[in-house]
């Protein structure tokens, strides 16, 4: 079976209801096919990726009428929070992206009239990025909208569940950051493909 198989659990949502059906794999078949894998770990990955896709899509729809991508929104919010112009390298460090990505984002936002480059008064060889006057109303509007959206997205969880959710995400993130990915995949055992009946021509 593929680790990206459809959920084992079925069912339809009731009238006016949203089905809450976690994605599962056939755990016994998975264990036979992927001897160095773990079925519940793959279920966690599948559900996380699926939820992240939905979350990202909702964010993008919320930002669409502002003509902003998610990275552009994050860059604007970063400049807004800094309350001072930032260098390209400082932005790259805060956004965990490359300098080339920052340059592309700044170019796009500059064309929209939301940011501009200004020389650093202490070192005129360095160019800083600052918000324009036109940026603040846009930032204020989308931050109000996006925080309202997030409140509705996570309204399904109570305060204690949200605390647990954040703690578990942080725990997984720390584990992923510390992984030696090359060493891990080097220890993977070969997939044991299940025998399937041959198709007739």
N, C-alpha and C. Protein backbone atom coordinates (compact mmCIF):
# COMPACT_ATOMS: atom_id res chain seq x y z
N UNK A 1 0.84 -1.20 0.00
CA UNK A 1 0.00 0.00 0.00
C UNK A 1 0.86 1.23 0.00
N UNK A 2 0.36 2.32 -0.52
CA UNK A 2 1.10 3.57 -0.48
C UNK A 2 0.88 4.25 0.85
N UNK A 3 1.93 4.90 1.42
CA UNK A 3 1.73 5.64 2.66
C UNK A 3 0.82 6.84 2.48
N UNK A 4 0.51 7.18 1.23
CA UNK A 4 -0.40 8.29 0.95
C UNK A 4 -1.79 7.78 0.57
N UNK A 5 -2.11 6.57 1.03
CA UNK A 5 -3.39 5.98 0.67
C UNK A 5 -4.55 6.78 1.25
N UNK A 6 -5.74 6.54 0.70
CA UNK A 6 -6.93 7.20 1.20
C UNK A 6 -7.21 6.72 2.62
N UNK A 7 -7.94 7.52 3.41
CA UNK A 7 -8.25 7.12 4.77
C UNK A 7 -9.00 5.81 4.80
N UNK A 8 -8.71 4.98 5.82
CA UNK A 8 -9.43 3.74 6.01
C UNK A 8 -10.83 4.05 6.52
N UNK A 9 -10.92 5.05 7.43
CA UNK A 9 -12.21 5.42 7.98
C UNK A 9 -13.08 6.06 6.90
N UNK A 10 -14.34 5.66 6.84
CA UNK A 10 -15.25 6.25 5.88
C UNK A 10 -16.29 7.08 6.59
N UNK A 11 -17.39 7.32 5.89
CA UNK A 11 -18.47 8.06 6.52
C UNK A 11 -18.70 9.39 5.84
N UNK A 12 -19.91 9.84 5.97
CA UNK A 12 -20.28 11.12 5.40
C UNK A 12 -20.70 12.07 6.50
N UNK A 13 -20.48 13.35 6.29
CA UNK A 13 -20.94 14.30 7.28
C UNK A 13 -22.46 14.33 7.33
N UNK A 14 -22.99 14.57 8.51
CA UNK A 14 -24.43 14.70 8.64
C UNK A 14 -24.89 16.02 8.05
N UNK A 15 -26.16 16.22 8.04
CA UNK A 15 -26.71 17.44 7.45
C UNK A 15 -26.18 18.66 8.18
N UNK A 16 -25.47 19.51 7.43
CA UNK A 16 -24.95 20.74 8.02
C UNK A 16 -23.74 20.53 8.91
N UNK A 17 -23.18 19.33 8.95
CA UNK A 17 -22.05 19.05 9.82
C UNK A 17 -20.80 18.81 8.98
N UNK A 18 -19.65 18.99 9.61
CA UNK A 18 -18.38 18.70 8.98
C UNK A 18 -17.84 17.39 9.53
N UNK A 19 -17.50 16.46 8.66
CA UNK A 19 -16.98 15.17 9.11
C UNK A 19 -15.58 15.36 9.67
N UNK A 20 -15.33 14.81 10.85
CA UNK A 20 -14.01 14.83 11.44
C UNK A 20 -13.49 13.40 11.37
N UNK A 21 -12.81 13.09 10.29
CA UNK A 21 -12.34 11.73 10.04
C UNK A 21 -10.84 11.75 9.87
N UNK A 22 -10.09 11.35 10.90
CA UNK A 22 -8.63 11.31 10.77
C UNK A 22 -8.22 10.38 9.64
N UNK A 23 -7.10 10.70 9.03
CA UNK A 23 -6.57 9.84 7.97
C UNK A 23 -5.78 8.71 8.60
N UNK A 24 -6.16 7.49 8.26
CA UNK A 24 -5.48 6.31 8.79
C UNK A 24 -5.00 5.44 7.64
N UNK A 25 -4.00 4.62 7.93
CA UNK A 25 -3.55 3.60 6.99
C UNK A 25 -3.90 2.24 7.58
N UNK A 26 -3.84 1.22 6.74
CA UNK A 26 -3.99 -0.15 7.23
C UNK A 26 -2.70 -0.50 7.96
N UNK A 27 -2.73 -0.47 9.28
CA UNK A 27 -1.49 -0.56 10.05
C UNK A 27 -0.77 -1.90 9.90
N UNK A 28 -1.52 -2.98 9.83
CA UNK A 28 -0.89 -4.29 9.67
C UNK A 28 -0.20 -4.38 8.31
N UNK A 29 -0.89 -3.95 7.26
CA UNK A 29 -0.30 -3.98 5.92
C UNK A 29 0.89 -3.03 5.83
N UNK A 30 0.78 -1.89 6.47
CA UNK A 30 1.87 -0.92 6.46
C UNK A 30 3.12 -1.52 7.10
N UNK A 31 2.96 -2.19 8.23
CA UNK A 31 4.10 -2.78 8.94
C UNK A 31 4.81 -3.81 8.08
N UNK A 32 4.05 -4.57 7.30
CA UNK A 32 4.66 -5.57 6.42
C UNK A 32 5.40 -4.91 5.27
N UNK A 33 4.83 -3.84 4.75
CA UNK A 33 5.38 -3.21 3.55
C UNK A 33 6.56 -2.29 3.84
N UNK A 34 6.52 -1.61 4.99
CA UNK A 34 7.57 -0.64 5.34
C UNK A 34 8.19 -1.02 6.68
N UNK A 35 9.13 -1.98 6.69
CA UNK A 35 9.67 -2.52 7.94
C UNK A 35 10.40 -1.52 8.82
N UNK A 36 10.91 -0.44 8.26
CA UNK A 36 11.59 0.55 9.10
C UNK A 36 10.73 1.78 9.36
N UNK A 37 9.47 1.71 8.92
CA UNK A 37 8.55 2.81 9.16
C UNK A 37 7.68 2.56 10.37
N UNK A 38 6.77 3.45 10.61
CA UNK A 38 5.82 3.32 11.72
C UNK A 38 4.49 3.88 11.24
N UNK A 39 3.46 3.04 11.28
CA UNK A 39 2.17 3.43 10.72
C UNK A 39 1.59 4.67 11.39
N UNK A 40 1.67 4.74 12.72
CA UNK A 40 1.08 5.89 13.40
C UNK A 40 1.87 7.17 13.11
N UNK A 41 3.19 7.04 12.90
CA UNK A 41 3.99 8.22 12.54
C UNK A 41 3.58 8.74 11.16
N UNK A 42 3.35 7.82 10.22
CA UNK A 42 2.90 8.23 8.89
C UNK A 42 1.51 8.85 8.95
N UNK A 43 0.65 8.31 9.82
CA UNK A 43 -0.67 8.92 10.01
C UNK A 43 -0.55 10.35 10.53
N UNK A 44 0.37 10.55 11.48
CA UNK A 44 0.62 11.91 11.99
C UNK A 44 1.06 12.83 10.85
N UNK A 45 2.00 12.34 10.03
CA UNK A 45 2.51 13.15 8.92
C UNK A 45 1.41 13.48 7.92
N UNK A 46 0.61 12.48 7.56
CA UNK A 46 -0.48 12.69 6.60
C UNK A 46 -1.47 13.73 7.11
N UNK A 47 -1.87 13.59 8.36
CA UNK A 47 -2.86 14.50 8.92
C UNK A 47 -2.30 15.91 9.08
N UNK A 48 -1.01 16.00 9.45
CA UNK A 48 -0.38 17.31 9.58
C UNK A 48 -0.29 18.02 8.23
N UNK A 49 0.15 17.29 7.20
CA UNK A 49 0.28 17.87 5.87
C UNK A 49 -1.09 18.29 5.32
N UNK A 50 -2.09 17.43 5.52
CA UNK A 50 -3.44 17.75 5.04
C UNK A 50 -3.97 19.02 5.72
N UNK A 51 -3.79 19.10 7.04
CA UNK A 51 -4.27 20.26 7.79
C UNK A 51 -3.50 21.52 7.40
N UNK A 52 -2.17 21.37 7.23
CA UNK A 52 -1.35 22.52 6.83
C UNK A 52 -1.78 23.05 5.47
N UNK A 53 -2.12 22.15 4.55
CA UNK A 53 -2.59 22.57 3.23
C UNK A 53 -3.89 23.37 3.34
N UNK A 54 -4.81 22.88 4.17
CA UNK A 54 -6.08 23.59 4.36
C UNK A 54 -5.85 24.96 5.00
N UNK A 55 -4.97 24.99 6.00
CA UNK A 55 -4.66 26.23 6.71
C UNK A 55 -4.04 27.25 5.77
N UNK A 56 -3.07 26.79 4.98
CA UNK A 56 -2.39 27.69 4.04
C UNK A 56 -3.37 28.20 2.98
N UNK A 57 -4.25 27.32 2.51
CA UNK A 57 -5.22 27.74 1.49
C UNK A 57 -6.17 28.80 2.05
N UNK A 58 -6.61 28.62 3.30
CA UNK A 58 -7.50 29.61 3.91
C UNK A 58 -6.79 30.95 4.07
N UNK A 59 -5.52 30.91 4.51
CA UNK A 59 -4.74 32.14 4.64
C UNK A 59 -4.60 32.85 3.30
N UNK A 60 -4.32 32.08 2.26
CA UNK A 60 -4.13 32.67 0.93
C UNK A 60 -5.42 33.31 0.42
N UNK A 61 -6.56 32.65 0.69
CA UNK A 61 -7.84 33.22 0.26
C UNK A 61 -8.13 34.51 1.01
N UNK A 62 -7.74 34.55 2.29
CA UNK A 62 -7.96 35.75 3.09
C UNK A 62 -7.11 36.92 2.60
N UNK A 63 -5.93 36.60 2.04
CA UNK A 63 -5.01 37.65 1.60
C UNK A 63 -5.19 38.03 0.14
N UNK A 64 -5.97 37.23 -0.58
CA UNK A 64 -6.05 37.39 -2.03
C UNK A 64 -6.51 38.79 -2.43
N UNK A 65 -7.51 39.33 -1.73
CA UNK A 65 -8.03 40.63 -2.16
C UNK A 65 -7.07 41.77 -1.85
N UNK A 66 -6.01 41.47 -1.04
CA UNK A 66 -4.96 42.46 -0.82
C UNK A 66 -3.84 42.31 -1.85
N UNK A 67 -3.91 41.25 -2.66
CA UNK A 67 -2.86 41.01 -3.65
C UNK A 67 -1.54 40.60 -3.03
N UNK A 68 -1.61 39.91 -1.87
CA UNK A 68 -0.39 39.53 -1.16
C UNK A 68 -0.26 38.02 -1.06
N UNK A 69 0.97 37.55 -1.16
CA UNK A 69 1.27 36.15 -0.88
C UNK A 69 1.54 36.02 0.61
N UNK A 70 1.58 34.79 1.11
CA UNK A 70 1.88 34.59 2.53
C UNK A 70 3.28 35.10 2.87
N UNK A 71 4.33 34.79 2.07
CA UNK A 71 5.66 35.35 2.39
C UNK A 71 5.67 36.88 2.40
N UNK A 72 4.93 37.51 1.48
CA UNK A 72 4.87 38.97 1.45
C UNK A 72 4.21 39.50 2.71
N UNK A 73 3.15 38.84 3.13
CA UNK A 73 2.47 39.24 4.37
C UNK A 73 3.40 39.14 5.56
N UNK A 74 4.17 38.05 5.62
CA UNK A 74 5.09 37.86 6.75
C UNK A 74 6.18 38.93 6.74
N UNK A 75 6.68 39.26 5.55
CA UNK A 75 7.71 40.29 5.46
C UNK A 75 7.17 41.64 5.94
N UNK A 76 5.97 42.00 5.50
CA UNK A 76 5.38 43.27 5.93
C UNK A 76 5.16 43.28 7.44
N UNK A 77 4.67 42.17 7.99
CA UNK A 77 4.45 42.09 9.43
C UNK A 77 5.77 42.18 10.19
N UNK A 78 6.82 41.62 9.62
CA UNK A 78 8.15 41.68 10.24
C UNK A 78 8.64 43.12 10.31
N UNK A 79 8.50 43.85 9.21
CA UNK A 79 8.90 45.25 9.20
C UNK A 79 8.04 46.08 10.15
N UNK A 80 6.76 45.77 10.20
CA UNK A 80 5.85 46.48 11.09
C UNK A 80 6.23 46.26 12.55
N UNK A 81 6.59 45.01 12.88
CA UNK A 81 6.97 44.70 14.25
C UNK A 81 8.32 45.26 14.64
N UNK A 82 9.22 45.39 13.65
CA UNK A 82 10.57 45.89 13.93
C UNK A 82 10.55 47.38 14.25
N UNK A 83 9.60 48.10 13.69
CA UNK A 83 9.46 49.54 13.90
C UNK A 83 10.69 50.34 13.47
N UNK A 84 11.48 49.75 12.60
CA UNK A 84 12.64 50.44 12.03
C UNK A 84 13.02 49.72 10.74
N UNK A 85 13.71 50.39 9.83
CA UNK A 85 14.13 49.71 8.60
C UNK A 85 15.06 48.54 8.92
N UNK A 86 15.01 47.52 8.08
CA UNK A 86 15.85 46.33 8.27
C UNK A 86 16.66 46.07 7.00
N UNK A 87 17.84 45.51 7.19
CA UNK A 87 18.66 45.11 6.05
C UNK A 87 18.11 43.82 5.45
N UNK A 88 18.53 43.53 4.24
CA UNK A 88 18.11 42.28 3.60
C UNK A 88 18.54 41.07 4.43
N UNK A 89 19.74 41.12 4.97
CA UNK A 89 20.23 39.99 5.75
C UNK A 89 19.43 39.81 7.04
N UNK A 90 19.03 40.91 7.66
CA UNK A 90 18.23 40.82 8.89
C UNK A 90 16.85 40.24 8.58
N UNK A 91 16.28 40.63 7.44
CA UNK A 91 14.98 40.08 7.05
C UNK A 91 15.11 38.59 6.76
N UNK A 92 16.16 38.21 6.02
CA UNK A 92 16.37 36.80 5.70
C UNK A 92 16.50 35.96 6.96
N UNK A 93 17.21 36.49 7.95
CA UNK A 93 17.40 35.76 9.20
C UNK A 93 16.08 35.59 9.95
N UNK A 94 15.27 36.62 9.96
CA UNK A 94 13.99 36.55 10.68
C UNK A 94 12.96 35.69 9.97
N UNK A 95 13.04 35.65 8.64
CA UNK A 95 12.07 34.87 7.88
C UNK A 95 12.56 33.47 7.55
N UNK A 96 13.82 33.16 7.90
CA UNK A 96 14.42 31.86 7.61
C UNK A 96 14.38 31.55 6.12
N UNK A 97 14.76 32.54 5.31
CA UNK A 97 14.81 32.36 3.86
C UNK A 97 16.15 32.86 3.34
N UNK A 98 16.39 32.65 2.06
CA UNK A 98 17.65 33.08 1.46
C UNK A 98 17.60 34.57 1.12
N UNK A 99 18.78 35.14 0.92
CA UNK A 99 18.86 36.54 0.51
C UNK A 99 18.18 36.79 -0.82
N UNK A 100 18.29 35.81 -1.74
CA UNK A 100 17.65 35.95 -3.05
C UNK A 100 16.13 36.02 -2.91
N UNK A 101 15.58 35.23 -1.99
CA UNK A 101 14.13 35.25 -1.77
C UNK A 101 13.69 36.60 -1.23
N UNK A 102 14.50 37.17 -0.33
CA UNK A 102 14.17 38.48 0.23
C UNK A 102 14.19 39.53 -0.88
N UNK A 103 15.21 39.48 -1.72
CA UNK A 103 15.31 40.45 -2.83
C UNK A 103 14.08 40.39 -3.71
N UNK A 104 13.63 39.19 -4.05
CA UNK A 104 12.46 39.02 -4.90
C UNK A 104 11.20 39.57 -4.22
N UNK A 105 11.05 39.28 -2.93
CA UNK A 105 9.89 39.76 -2.18
C UNK A 105 9.88 41.28 -2.09
N UNK A 106 11.05 41.85 -1.78
CA UNK A 106 11.14 43.30 -1.65
C UNK A 106 10.85 43.97 -2.99
N UNK A 107 11.38 43.39 -4.07
CA UNK A 107 11.11 43.94 -5.41
C UNK A 107 9.60 43.97 -5.69
N UNK A 108 8.93 42.87 -5.36
CA UNK A 108 7.48 42.78 -5.60
C UNK A 108 6.72 43.81 -4.78
N UNK A 109 7.07 43.92 -3.49
CA UNK A 109 6.36 44.86 -2.62
C UNK A 109 6.69 46.31 -2.96
N UNK A 110 7.91 46.54 -3.45
CA UNK A 110 8.28 47.89 -3.87
C UNK A 110 7.46 48.32 -5.09
N UNK A 111 7.23 47.38 -6.01
CA UNK A 111 6.41 47.69 -7.19
C UNK A 111 4.97 48.02 -6.78
N UNK A 112 4.51 47.42 -5.69
CA UNK A 112 3.16 47.70 -5.19
C UNK A 112 3.11 48.98 -4.37
N UNK A 113 4.29 49.57 -4.12
CA UNK A 113 4.33 50.80 -3.35
C UNK A 113 4.22 50.62 -1.86
N UNK A 114 4.50 49.40 -1.37
CA UNK A 114 4.34 49.11 0.06
C UNK A 114 5.64 49.19 0.84
N UNK A 115 6.78 49.04 0.16
CA UNK A 115 8.09 49.18 0.81
C UNK A 115 9.00 49.99 -0.10
N UNK A 116 10.09 50.47 0.48
CA UNK A 116 11.11 51.14 -0.33
C UNK A 116 12.47 50.86 0.29
N UNK A 117 13.48 50.96 -0.54
CA UNK A 117 14.86 50.79 -0.07
C UNK A 117 15.44 52.17 0.24
N UNK A 118 16.13 52.24 1.38
CA UNK A 118 16.77 53.50 1.79
C UNK A 118 18.19 53.17 2.25
N UNK A 119 19.14 54.08 2.05
CA UNK A 119 20.51 53.81 2.50
C UNK A 119 20.61 53.85 4.03
N UNK A 120 21.47 53.00 4.56
CA UNK A 120 21.75 52.98 5.99
C UNK A 120 22.58 54.22 6.32
N UNK A 121 22.12 55.04 7.25
CA UNK A 121 22.84 56.29 7.57
C UNK A 121 24.21 56.03 8.17
N UNK A 122 24.40 54.84 8.77
CA UNK A 122 25.70 54.53 9.36
C UNK A 122 26.65 53.87 8.37
N UNK A 123 26.12 53.34 7.28
CA UNK A 123 26.94 52.71 6.25
C UNK A 123 26.17 52.78 4.94
N UNK A 124 26.47 53.77 4.13
CA UNK A 124 25.67 54.02 2.94
C UNK A 124 25.84 52.96 1.86
N UNK A 125 26.76 52.02 2.09
CA UNK A 125 26.88 50.89 1.16
C UNK A 125 25.75 49.89 1.39
N UNK A 126 25.13 49.96 2.57
CA UNK A 126 24.07 49.02 2.93
C UNK A 126 22.71 49.65 2.67
N UNK A 127 21.84 48.90 2.00
CA UNK A 127 20.48 49.36 1.76
C UNK A 127 19.53 48.70 2.76
N UNK A 128 18.66 49.51 3.32
CA UNK A 128 17.66 49.02 4.26
C UNK A 128 16.29 49.03 3.59
N UNK A 129 15.38 48.27 4.16
CA UNK A 129 14.02 48.21 3.64
C UNK A 129 13.08 48.77 4.70
N UNK A 130 12.22 49.69 4.29
CA UNK A 130 11.25 50.26 5.22
C UNK A 130 9.87 50.29 4.59
N UNK A 131 8.86 50.40 5.43
CA UNK A 131 7.48 50.49 4.96
C UNK A 131 7.20 51.88 4.41
N UNK A 132 6.32 51.96 3.45
CA UNK A 132 5.85 53.26 2.96
C UNK A 132 4.57 53.63 3.72
N UNK A 133 4.13 54.84 3.53
CA UNK A 133 2.88 55.27 4.17
C UNK A 133 1.69 54.46 3.71
N UNK A 134 1.75 53.96 2.47
CA UNK A 134 0.64 53.18 1.93
C UNK A 134 0.54 51.80 2.55
N UNK A 135 1.62 51.33 3.18
CA UNK A 135 1.64 49.97 3.71
C UNK A 135 0.82 49.81 4.98
N UNK A 136 0.82 50.82 5.84
CA UNK A 136 0.20 50.65 7.15
C UNK A 136 -1.29 50.32 7.11
N UNK A 137 -2.10 51.00 6.29
CA UNK A 137 -3.52 50.61 6.22
C UNK A 137 -3.71 49.18 5.74
N UNK A 138 -2.86 48.74 4.81
CA UNK A 138 -2.94 47.37 4.31
C UNK A 138 -2.60 46.38 5.42
N UNK A 139 -1.52 46.65 6.14
CA UNK A 139 -1.10 45.77 7.23
C UNK A 139 -2.16 45.71 8.32
N UNK A 140 -2.69 46.87 8.71
CA UNK A 140 -3.71 46.90 9.75
C UNK A 140 -4.94 46.09 9.35
N UNK A 141 -5.33 46.21 8.08
CA UNK A 141 -6.52 45.50 7.60
C UNK A 141 -6.31 44.00 7.59
N UNK A 142 -5.19 43.54 6.99
CA UNK A 142 -5.05 42.09 6.87
C UNK A 142 -4.70 41.44 8.20
N UNK A 143 -4.03 42.14 9.10
CA UNK A 143 -3.76 41.56 10.42
C UNK A 143 -5.06 41.37 11.20
N UNK A 144 -5.97 42.33 11.10
CA UNK A 144 -7.27 42.18 11.75
C UNK A 144 -8.04 41.01 11.15
N UNK A 145 -7.97 40.88 9.82
CA UNK A 145 -8.70 39.81 9.15
C UNK A 145 -8.10 38.44 9.45
N UNK A 146 -6.78 38.34 9.40
CA UNK A 146 -6.14 37.04 9.55
C UNK A 146 -6.23 36.54 10.99
N UNK A 147 -6.15 37.44 11.97
CA UNK A 147 -6.28 37.00 13.36
C UNK A 147 -7.71 36.57 13.66
N UNK A 148 -8.68 37.22 13.01
CA UNK A 148 -10.07 36.79 13.15
C UNK A 148 -10.26 35.41 12.54
N UNK A 149 -9.66 35.19 11.37
CA UNK A 149 -9.73 33.89 10.72
C UNK A 149 -9.12 32.81 11.60
N UNK A 150 -7.94 33.08 12.17
CA UNK A 150 -7.28 32.09 13.02
C UNK A 150 -8.14 31.76 14.24
N UNK A 151 -8.79 32.77 14.81
CA UNK A 151 -9.65 32.53 15.97
C UNK A 151 -10.77 31.56 15.62
N UNK A 152 -11.33 31.71 14.42
CA UNK A 152 -12.41 30.81 13.99
C UNK A 152 -11.87 29.42 13.65
N UNK A 153 -10.68 29.36 13.07
CA UNK A 153 -10.11 28.06 12.70
C UNK A 153 -9.85 27.20 13.93
N UNK A 154 -9.42 27.83 15.01
CA UNK A 154 -9.07 27.07 16.21
C UNK A 154 -10.15 27.12 17.29
N UNK A 155 -11.33 27.64 16.94
CA UNK A 155 -12.42 27.68 17.91
C UNK A 155 -12.88 26.28 18.30
N UNK A 156 -12.58 25.30 17.47
CA UNK A 156 -12.95 23.92 17.75
C UNK A 156 -12.18 23.36 18.94
N UNK A 157 -11.06 23.98 19.30
CA UNK A 157 -10.25 23.54 20.45
C UNK A 157 -10.48 24.48 21.63
N UNK A 158 -10.56 23.90 22.84
CA UNK A 158 -10.63 24.76 24.01
C UNK A 158 -9.22 25.21 24.39
N UNK A 159 -9.11 26.05 25.40
CA UNK A 159 -7.81 26.64 25.76
C UNK A 159 -6.78 25.57 26.10
N UNK A 160 -7.19 24.56 26.84
CA UNK A 160 -6.26 23.50 27.24
C UNK A 160 -5.78 22.71 26.03
N UNK A 161 -6.70 22.42 25.11
CA UNK A 161 -6.33 21.69 23.90
C UNK A 161 -5.36 22.51 23.04
N UNK A 162 -5.57 23.82 22.99
CA UNK A 162 -4.66 24.66 22.21
C UNK A 162 -3.27 24.66 22.82
N UNK A 163 -3.19 24.73 24.15
CA UNK A 163 -1.89 24.68 24.82
C UNK A 163 -1.18 23.37 24.50
N UNK A 164 -1.93 22.27 24.54
CA UNK A 164 -1.36 20.96 24.23
C UNK A 164 -0.92 20.90 22.78
N UNK A 165 -1.75 21.43 21.89
CA UNK A 165 -1.44 21.45 20.46
C UNK A 165 -0.14 22.19 20.19
N UNK A 166 0.00 23.37 20.77
CA UNK A 166 1.21 24.18 20.57
C UNK A 166 2.43 23.45 21.14
N UNK A 167 2.26 22.85 22.30
CA UNK A 167 3.38 22.15 22.93
C UNK A 167 3.83 20.95 22.09
N UNK A 168 2.87 20.20 21.56
CA UNK A 168 3.21 19.04 20.73
C UNK A 168 3.87 19.47 19.42
N UNK A 169 3.36 20.53 18.81
CA UNK A 169 3.98 21.03 17.58
C UNK A 169 5.42 21.45 17.84
N UNK A 170 5.65 22.15 18.96
CA UNK A 170 7.00 22.59 19.30
C UNK A 170 7.92 21.39 19.54
N UNK A 171 7.38 20.36 20.16
CA UNK A 171 8.16 19.15 20.44
C UNK A 171 8.58 18.46 19.14
N UNK A 172 7.63 18.35 18.22
CA UNK A 172 7.93 17.72 16.93
C UNK A 172 8.91 18.59 16.13
N UNK A 173 8.70 19.91 16.15
CA UNK A 173 9.59 20.82 15.41
C UNK A 173 11.02 20.70 15.92
N UNK A 174 11.19 20.64 17.24
CA UNK A 174 12.53 20.52 17.82
C UNK A 174 13.17 19.20 17.42
N UNK A 175 12.37 18.14 17.38
CA UNK A 175 12.89 16.83 16.99
C UNK A 175 13.33 16.83 15.53
N UNK A 176 12.53 17.44 14.66
CA UNK A 176 12.87 17.49 13.24
C UNK A 176 14.14 18.30 13.02
N UNK A 177 14.26 19.43 13.72
CA UNK A 177 15.44 20.28 13.57
C UNK A 177 16.72 19.56 13.98
N UNK A 178 16.61 18.64 14.93
CA UNK A 178 17.80 17.95 15.43
C UNK A 178 18.13 16.68 14.65
N UNK A 179 17.26 16.29 13.72
CA UNK A 179 17.47 15.05 12.97
C UNK A 179 18.62 15.17 11.98
N UNK A 180 19.42 14.12 11.89
CA UNK A 180 20.39 13.98 10.81
C UNK A 180 19.67 13.21 9.71
N UNK A 181 19.04 13.95 8.80
CA UNK A 181 18.17 13.33 7.80
C UNK A 181 18.91 12.30 6.96
N UNK A 182 20.13 12.62 6.53
CA UNK A 182 20.89 11.69 5.69
C UNK A 182 21.16 10.39 6.43
N UNK A 183 21.49 10.49 7.72
CA UNK A 183 21.77 9.29 8.51
C UNK A 183 20.51 8.46 8.69
N UNK A 184 19.38 9.13 8.88
CA UNK A 184 18.12 8.42 9.08
C UNK A 184 17.73 7.65 7.83
N UNK A 185 17.76 8.32 6.68
CA UNK A 185 17.32 7.62 5.46
C UNK A 185 18.31 6.54 5.05
N UNK A 186 19.57 6.68 5.47
CA UNK A 186 20.56 5.64 5.16
C UNK A 186 20.24 4.34 5.89
N UNK A 187 19.52 4.45 7.00
CA UNK A 187 19.18 3.25 7.78
C UNK A 187 17.83 2.65 7.37
N UNK A 188 17.18 3.25 6.38
CA UNK A 188 15.87 2.73 5.98
C UNK A 188 16.00 1.35 5.36
N UNK A 189 15.05 0.50 5.66
CA UNK A 189 15.06 -0.87 5.12
C UNK A 189 14.18 -0.91 3.87
N UNK A 190 14.52 -1.79 2.93
CA UNK A 190 13.80 -1.82 1.65
C UNK A 190 12.31 -2.06 1.82
N UNK A 191 11.55 -1.42 0.96
CA UNK A 191 10.10 -1.63 0.94
C UNK A 191 9.81 -3.05 0.46
N UNK A 192 8.84 -3.70 1.08
CA UNK A 192 8.42 -5.03 0.66
C UNK A 192 7.08 -4.89 -0.05
N UNK A 193 7.16 -4.73 -1.34
CA UNK A 193 5.94 -4.49 -2.11
C UNK A 193 5.02 -5.70 -2.05
N UNK A 194 3.75 -5.47 -1.77
CA UNK A 194 2.81 -6.60 -1.73
C UNK A 194 2.58 -7.15 -3.13
N UNK A 195 2.36 -8.43 -3.18
CA UNK A 195 2.08 -9.04 -4.48
C UNK A 195 0.67 -8.68 -4.91
N UNK A 196 0.57 -8.26 -6.14
CA UNK A 196 -0.74 -7.91 -6.69
C UNK A 196 -1.01 -8.82 -7.88
N UNK A 197 -2.27 -9.18 -8.07
CA UNK A 197 -2.59 -10.03 -9.23
C UNK A 197 -2.25 -9.30 -10.53
N UNK A 198 -1.69 -10.05 -11.46
CA UNK A 198 -1.34 -9.45 -12.74
C UNK A 198 -2.59 -9.07 -13.53
N UNK A 199 -2.48 -7.91 -14.16
CA UNK A 199 -3.60 -7.47 -14.98
C UNK A 199 -3.58 -8.20 -16.32
N UNK A 200 -4.72 -8.56 -16.75
CA UNK A 200 -4.80 -9.22 -18.06
C UNK A 200 -4.75 -8.17 -19.16
N UNK A 201 -4.08 -8.52 -20.23
CA UNK A 201 -3.95 -7.59 -21.36
C UNK A 201 -5.29 -7.41 -22.04
